[in-house]
Amino acid sequence: MRVLTPLLFCSMLLVTSMAPVFGGVNQLDLDNGSSAQARSSLIDFEVTSIEFGTGANQAMQWSQPDGSVQEYVIRGQEIQIEVTFTQAGTSSQPAYAEASLQIWHPIGFMIDEFTSNMTLSGQQSVVQQITWIPNMSHSVLDDQGVLNGGIQLTGMVDGGLADDNQDNNQLTRLMPVAIWHDSMDNGFCGDTDGDGVNDCPNVPYANEPVWVGGGYEA
């Protein structure tokens, strides 16, 4: 007992003396993590949004079965495309970036490209306006009356090595392009196939003509 007691006492002192060291390391890690989270990027260019049909020729609207609206355009009609770029960082010093809008066909080839450059301080935005005439069509209307597919509009921005966040430097939006628009499109026909889904979601109004689908069993 006389030998074990001093050894036990020394061990307790050693553990006690080391406890603040380990505690300090853990606290330091937590502080560093909190500081890293609190810091925001000084320079962070992003592609904020892509809109089309904002000029004289407004985008057409297709009513989806779920009540939402899908915008689309017509082949051969001039449209305006607007791409918004933002310097989402906090730096008050102007920073330079190069931007582009690429228009891709879904099968994998680029149809057109428009480039620009910008110098923005933190929280400033710029809108790139492009006038374009789609010379080809692409869209898909499935059996449930859902319109999807389309030409791919891809906005990209490159702030170089100074850009602290590369994850938001590209944004893609699909733009359905129809061959033409006809008054019979999206008429009023109800549930034609008996699946409980309204196949032609337009609602008839009093004193307003509307196309109605009809047929008979052969």
Protein backbone atom coordinates (compact mmCIF):
# COMPACT_ATOMS: atom_id res chain seq x y z
CA MET A 1 0.00 0.00 0.00
CA ARG A 2 2.85 2.39 0.77
CA VAL A 3 4.26 1.81 -2.74
CA LEU A 4 0.93 1.95 -4.63
CA THR A 5 -0.38 5.08 -2.95
CA PRO A 6 2.35 7.45 -4.24
CA LEU A 7 2.06 5.92 -7.72
CA LEU A 8 -1.72 6.35 -7.73
CA PHE A 9 -1.35 9.91 -6.46
CA CYS A 10 1.16 10.75 -9.21
CA SER A 11 -1.10 9.26 -11.88
CA MET A 12 -4.02 11.34 -10.69
CA LEU A 13 -1.89 14.50 -10.76
CA LEU A 14 -0.69 13.69 -14.30
CA VAL A 15 -4.22 13.15 -15.64
CA THR A 16 -5.47 16.28 -13.88
CA SER A 17 -2.67 18.40 -15.28
CA MET A 18 -3.29 17.16 -18.84
CA ALA A 19 -7.07 17.71 -18.74
CA PRO A 20 -6.91 21.46 -19.46
CA VAL A 21 -4.64 20.75 -22.43
CA PHE A 22 -7.12 18.38 -24.08
CA GLY A 23 -10.00 20.62 -23.16
CA GLY A 24 -8.21 23.59 -24.67
CA VAL A 25 -7.57 21.72 -27.91
CA ASN A 26 -11.23 20.74 -28.24
CA GLN A 27 -12.36 24.26 -27.50
CA LEU A 28 -9.88 25.58 -30.05
CA ASP A 29 -11.30 23.26 -32.70
CA LEU A 30 -14.82 24.42 -31.93
CA ASP A 31 -13.79 28.05 -32.09
CA ASN A 32 -12.06 27.52 -35.43
CA GLY A 33 -15.13 25.76 -36.81
CA SER A 34 -17.40 28.55 -35.66
CA SER A 35 -15.11 31.16 -37.15
CA ALA A 36 -15.00 29.31 -40.48
CA GLN A 37 -18.78 29.16 -40.60
CA ALA A 38 -19.08 32.80 -39.67
CA ARG A 39 -16.75 33.92 -42.45
CA SER A 40 -18.41 34.46 -45.82
CA SER A 41 -16.77 34.59 -49.21
CA LEU A 42 -15.26 37.89 -50.27
CA ILE A 43 -15.76 37.10 -53.96
CA ASP A 44 -18.49 34.68 -55.01
CA PHE A 45 -19.85 35.07 -58.53
CA GLU A 46 -23.04 33.14 -59.29
CA VAL A 47 -25.59 32.65 -62.06
CA THR A 48 -28.73 33.78 -60.24
CA SER A 49 -31.51 33.20 -62.77
CA ILE A 50 -32.40 32.59 -66.42
CA GLU A 51 -35.65 33.98 -67.84
CA PHE A 52 -36.96 33.87 -71.40
CA GLY A 53 -39.80 35.55 -73.26
CA THR A 54 -39.35 38.83 -71.37
CA GLY A 55 -39.41 41.13 -74.43
CA ALA A 56 -42.10 42.07 -76.94
CA ASN A 57 -42.81 38.41 -77.71
CA GLN A 58 -43.90 37.01 -74.37
CA ALA A 59 -43.44 33.33 -73.61
CA MET A 60 -46.50 31.16 -74.16
CA GLN A 61 -47.99 29.35 -71.17
CA TRP A 62 -49.04 25.72 -70.96
CA SER A 63 -51.25 24.62 -68.05
CA GLN A 64 -49.88 21.42 -66.54
CA PRO A 65 -52.27 18.80 -65.07
CA ASP A 66 -51.11 19.65 -61.53
CA GLY A 67 -52.15 23.29 -61.95
CA SER A 68 -48.65 24.66 -62.52
CA VAL A 69 -47.67 26.63 -65.62
CA GLN A 70 -44.86 25.73 -68.03
CA GLU A 71 -43.55 28.50 -70.28
CA TYR A 72 -42.59 27.73 -73.87
CA VAL A 73 -41.74 29.60 -77.07
CA ILE A 74 -42.44 29.16 -80.79
CA ARG A 75 -39.84 28.25 -83.38
CA GLY A 76 -38.96 31.11 -85.71
CA GLN A 77 -40.22 33.85 -83.36
CA GLU A 78 -37.72 36.29 -81.86
CA ILE A 79 -37.43 36.04 -78.09
CA GLN A 80 -35.47 37.81 -75.38
CA ILE A 81 -33.43 35.86 -72.84
CA GLU A 82 -32.26 37.47 -69.60
CA VAL A 83 -29.47 35.98 -67.48
CA THR A 84 -28.78 37.53 -64.07
CA PHE A 85 -25.23 37.33 -62.66
CA THR A 86 -24.45 38.33 -59.06
CA GLN A 87 -21.31 38.92 -57.03
CA ALA A 88 -22.72 37.35 -53.87
CA GLY A 89 -19.59 37.95 -51.79
CA THR A 90 -18.94 40.69 -49.25
CA SER A 91 -15.93 42.46 -50.78
CA SER A 92 -16.40 46.18 -51.40
CA GLN A 93 -13.64 46.07 -54.00
CA PRO A 94 -14.76 45.53 -57.62
CA ALA A 95 -13.95 42.09 -59.03
CA TYR A 96 -13.79 41.02 -62.67
CA ALA A 97 -15.53 38.00 -64.20
CA GLU A 98 -16.31 36.59 -67.63
CA ALA A 99 -19.76 35.21 -68.37
CA SER A 100 -21.54 33.36 -71.14
CA LEU A 101 -24.87 31.92 -72.19
CA GLN A 102 -24.66 28.69 -74.16
CA ILE A 103 -27.69 27.33 -76.03
CA TRP A 104 -27.58 23.55 -76.44
CA HIS A 105 -29.71 21.04 -78.28
CA PRO A 106 -30.56 18.11 -75.96
CA ILE A 107 -28.78 15.61 -78.22
CA GLY A 108 -25.49 17.28 -77.31
CA PHE A 109 -24.40 20.01 -79.72
CA MET A 110 -24.15 23.73 -79.03
CA ILE A 111 -26.44 25.90 -81.15
CA ASP A 112 -25.20 29.33 -80.12
CA GLU A 113 -23.10 31.17 -77.54
CA PHE A 114 -23.11 34.72 -76.19
CA THR A 115 -20.29 36.10 -74.04
CA SER A 116 -19.87 39.17 -71.83
CA ASN A 117 -17.75 40.44 -68.95
CA MET A 118 -18.47 42.35 -65.77
CA THR A 119 -16.86 44.14 -62.85
CA LEU A 120 -18.95 43.93 -59.69
CA SER A 121 -18.57 44.65 -55.99
CA GLY A 122 -20.19 42.52 -53.29
CA GLN A 123 -23.99 42.07 -53.62
CA GLN A 124 -24.12 43.76 -57.03
CA SER A 125 -25.90 42.15 -60.00
CA VAL A 126 -25.99 42.60 -63.74
CA VAL A 127 -28.51 41.32 -66.30
CA GLN A 128 -27.31 40.07 -69.68
CA GLN A 129 -30.06 40.55 -72.28
CA ILE A 130 -29.92 38.44 -75.42
CA THR A 131 -32.19 38.51 -78.45
CA TRP A 132 -32.40 35.14 -80.19
CA ILE A 133 -34.55 33.34 -82.75
CA PRO A 134 -34.90 29.58 -82.17
CA ASN A 135 -34.50 27.91 -85.56
CA MET A 136 -35.37 24.43 -84.32
CA SER A 137 -37.95 22.97 -81.99
CA HIS A 138 -37.79 20.53 -79.12
CA SER A 139 -40.42 19.67 -76.51
CA VAL A 140 -42.20 16.62 -75.16
CA LEU A 141 -45.91 16.36 -74.37
CA ASP A 142 -46.61 13.06 -72.64
CA ASP A 143 -49.86 11.10 -72.45
CA GLN A 144 -50.83 12.86 -69.22
CA GLY A 145 -50.62 16.30 -70.83
CA VAL A 146 -47.33 17.27 -69.14
CA LEU A 147 -45.08 19.52 -71.22
CA ASN A 148 -41.34 19.12 -70.63
CA GLY A 149 -38.04 18.88 -72.47
CA GLY A 150 -36.69 21.72 -74.55
CA ILE A 151 -33.56 23.56 -75.64
CA GLN A 152 -30.98 23.91 -72.84
CA LEU A 153 -30.04 27.43 -71.74
CA THR A 154 -26.80 27.25 -69.74
CA GLY A 155 -25.44 30.35 -68.02
CA MET A 156 -21.83 30.30 -66.78
CA VAL A 157 -19.61 32.78 -64.94
CA ASP A 158 -15.87 32.59 -64.23
CA GLY A 159 -14.34 34.82 -61.59
CA GLY A 160 -10.95 33.13 -61.80
CA LEU A 161 -8.93 32.00 -58.79
CA ALA A 162 -10.37 34.81 -56.66
CA ASP A 163 -13.83 33.21 -56.72
CA ASP A 164 -14.17 31.44 -53.37
CA ASN A 165 -17.15 29.27 -54.39
CA GLN A 166 -17.30 27.39 -57.69
CA ASP A 167 -20.51 25.47 -56.96
CA ASN A 168 -22.86 28.22 -58.18
CA ASN A 169 -20.99 29.23 -61.34
CA GLN A 170 -23.35 27.40 -63.71
CA LEU A 171 -27.14 27.25 -64.11
CA THR A 172 -29.20 25.38 -66.72
CA ARG A 173 -32.84 25.87 -67.64
CA LEU A 174 -34.88 24.00 -70.24
CA MET A 175 -36.89 26.04 -72.73
CA PRO A 176 -39.54 24.04 -74.64
CA VAL A 177 -39.74 25.20 -78.26
CA ALA A 178 -42.92 24.32 -80.17
CA ILE A 179 -43.13 24.04 -83.96
CA TRP A 180 -46.18 26.29 -83.97
CA HIS A 181 -49.11 27.30 -81.79
CA ASP A 182 -52.66 26.32 -82.66
CA SER A 183 -55.94 27.24 -81.02
CA MET A 184 -56.70 23.55 -80.56
CA ASP A 185 -53.65 23.16 -78.31
CA ASN A 186 -54.59 22.78 -74.67
CA GLY A 187 -58.31 22.79 -75.34
CA PHE A 188 -61.08 21.39 -73.12
CA CYS A 189 -61.70 17.67 -73.19
CA GLY A 190 -61.72 16.38 -69.60
CA ASP A 191 -60.48 12.90 -68.70
CA THR A 192 -60.37 11.19 -72.09
CA ASP A 193 -58.53 8.02 -71.09
CA GLY A 194 -60.27 7.26 -67.80
CA ASP A 195 -57.18 7.51 -65.61
CA GLY A 196 -58.62 10.18 -63.32
CA VAL A 197 -56.39 12.93 -64.75
CA ASN A 198 -57.74 15.92 -66.67
CA ASP A 199 -56.02 15.60 -70.05
CA CYS A 200 -56.92 19.11 -71.27
CA PRO A 201 -56.77 21.34 -68.20
CA ASN A 202 -58.16 24.55 -69.73
CA VAL A 203 -61.37 25.68 -68.04
CA PRO A 204 -64.30 26.89 -70.20
CA TYR A 205 -65.66 30.37 -69.51
CA ALA A 206 -69.01 31.91 -70.44
CA ASN A 207 -69.09 33.76 -73.78
CA GLU A 208 -65.50 32.73 -74.57
CA PRO A 209 -64.92 30.18 -77.37
CA VAL A 210 -62.84 27.13 -76.54
CA TRP A 211 -61.88 24.01 -78.50
CA VAL A 212 -63.48 20.81 -77.26
CA GLY A 213 -62.09 17.39 -78.13
CA GLY A 214 -64.47 14.72 -79.36
CA GLY A 215 -64.44 11.26 -80.89
CA TYR A 216 -66.24 7.96 -81.26
CA GLU A 217 -65.51 4.27 -81.06
CA ALA A 218 -64.81 2.79 -84.51
